[in-house]
Protein backbone atom coordinates (compact mmCIF):
# COMPACT_ATOMS: atom_id res chain seq x y z
CA MET A 1 -0.04 0.08 -0.08
CA ASP A 2 1.42 3.42 -0.94
CA GLU A 3 1.38 5.80 2.07
CA LYS A 4 0.92 9.36 0.72
CA LYS A 5 2.95 12.16 2.68
CA LYS A 6 0.92 14.44 4.37
CA ARG A 7 2.27 17.88 3.90
CA ASN A 8 2.28 20.19 6.71
CA ASN A 9 1.74 23.40 4.78
CA ALA A 10 -0.01 26.46 6.75
CA THR A 11 -0.71 29.41 4.17
CA ILE A 12 -1.79 33.16 4.67
CA THR A 13 -4.31 34.41 2.37
CA PHE A 14 -5.06 37.81 1.30
CA SER A 15 -8.55 38.84 0.46
CA ASP A 16 -6.93 41.74 -1.64
CA LYS A 17 -4.23 40.78 -4.15
CA ALA A 18 -2.87 44.33 -3.69
CA GLN A 19 -2.31 43.93 0.27
CA LYS A 20 -0.17 40.92 -0.69
CA GLU A 21 1.66 43.06 -3.49
CA LYS A 22 2.45 46.03 -1.12
CA LEU A 23 3.54 43.46 1.43
CA LEU A 24 6.01 42.13 -0.87
CA LEU A 25 6.93 45.29 -2.16
CA GLN A 26 7.79 46.33 1.51
CA LEU A 27 9.63 43.28 2.32
CA ASN A 28 11.63 43.28 -0.91
CA SER A 29 12.75 46.97 -0.44
CA MET A 30 16.50 47.53 0.05
CA GLN A 31 16.03 49.00 3.43
CA LEU A 32 14.62 45.81 4.74
CA GLN A 33 16.82 43.31 2.92
CA ASN A 34 19.94 45.25 4.06
CA LEU A 35 18.61 44.46 7.73
CA MET A 36 17.31 40.80 6.79
CA PRO A 37 19.77 37.73 7.41
CA GLU A 38 20.60 36.31 4.03
CA SER A 39 18.67 33.02 5.10
CA ALA A 40 15.41 35.13 5.09
CA ARG A 41 15.72 36.48 1.90
CA GLY A 42 15.08 33.55 -0.42
CA LYS A 43 11.19 32.79 0.12
CA ASP A 44 8.50 35.06 1.07
CA CYS A 45 7.18 33.21 4.11
CA GLN A 46 10.58 33.69 5.69
CA LYS A 47 10.76 37.30 4.96
CA VAL A 48 7.37 37.60 6.66
CA ILE A 49 8.59 35.30 9.67
CA TRP A 50 11.44 37.68 10.04
CA ALA A 51 9.59 40.82 9.73
CA VAL A 52 7.31 39.80 12.54
CA ASP A 53 10.09 38.78 14.71
CA TYR A 54 12.10 41.96 14.21
CA LEU A 55 8.99 44.15 15.05
CA TYR A 56 8.15 42.09 17.82
CA ASP A 57 11.92 42.53 19.17
CA LEU A 58 11.95 46.24 18.80
CA ALA A 59 8.42 46.42 20.90
CA ILE A 60 9.75 44.00 23.46
CA LYS A 61 12.92 45.62 23.98
CA GLY A 62 11.44 49.53 24.30
CA LYS A 63 12.68 50.64 20.88
CA ILE A 64 9.21 51.68 19.73
CA ARG A 65 6.42 53.08 21.18
CA VAL A 66 3.61 50.67 22.17
CA GLN A 67 0.49 52.71 23.21
CA VAL A 68 -1.80 50.87 25.57
CA PRO A 69 -4.59 53.06 26.75
CA MET A 70 -4.04 53.87 30.44
CA PHE A 71 -7.92 53.62 31.13
CA GLU A 72 -11.10 52.45 29.29
CA GLU A 73 -12.78 55.10 27.49
CA ASP A 74 -15.55 55.24 29.90
CA SER A 75 -13.96 54.71 33.34
CA GLN A 76 -14.70 56.38 36.39
CA GLU A 77 -10.89 57.01 36.88
CA LYS A 78 -10.81 58.90 33.75
CA PHE A 79 -13.70 61.06 34.69
CA LEU A 80 -12.35 61.77 38.02
CA LEU A 81 -8.87 62.79 36.33
CA ILE A 82 -10.57 65.08 33.91
CA GLU A 83 -12.68 66.56 37.02
CA GLU A 84 -9.13 66.98 39.02
CA ILE A 85 -7.67 68.74 35.88
CA GLN A 86 -10.25 71.14 35.51
CA ARG A 87 -10.31 71.83 39.39
CA LEU A 88 -6.61 72.52 39.19
CA LYS A 89 -6.58 74.64 36.15
CA TYR A 90 -9.43 76.77 37.82
CA ARG A 91 -7.21 76.84 40.94
CA ILE A 92 -4.18 78.03 39.03
CA ALA A 93 -6.22 80.88 37.34
CA GLU A 94 -7.33 82.08 41.12
CA LEU A 95 -3.80 82.02 42.12
CA GLU A 96 -2.80 84.11 38.87
CA ARG A 97 -5.43 86.51 40.13
CA GLN A 98 -4.52 86.95 43.51
CA GLU A 99 -0.78 87.14 42.60
CA GLY A 100 -1.69 89.99 40.23
CA LYS A 101 -3.44 91.59 43.22
CA TYR A 102 -0.48 91.29 45.44
CA ILE A 103 1.92 92.74 42.68
CA ASP A 104 -0.46 95.88 42.31
CA THR A 105 -0.41 96.27 46.17
CA ILE A 106 3.53 96.39 46.15
CA ASN A 107 3.71 98.59 43.40
CA ASN A 108 1.02 100.92 45.20
CA LEU A 109 3.16 100.86 48.22
CA MET A 110 6.41 101.38 46.58
CA LYS A 111 5.33 104.91 44.92
């Protein structure tokens, strides 16, 4: 009996051919090719694996900024902080007005 060899292939598919072409254009750019080890340059799948590994390493090492929201959009903490900021802005404006009054008083006393 002839045993068929099962292939262990996995594929990434693109719903839009233009997306794949853009990806390959970027991966084949001189800038990325210069960064890429020789072993990754031969096959498209190796280029994709290398690029994702490279990006992941940059993110983990803190070389690129990964933005993560500090608070959920509608969290109580966010609303309390916004209220506190408004309160502090009002207090700063109040102190600046008082400072102006003190300066005027000092100027009048010096005359």
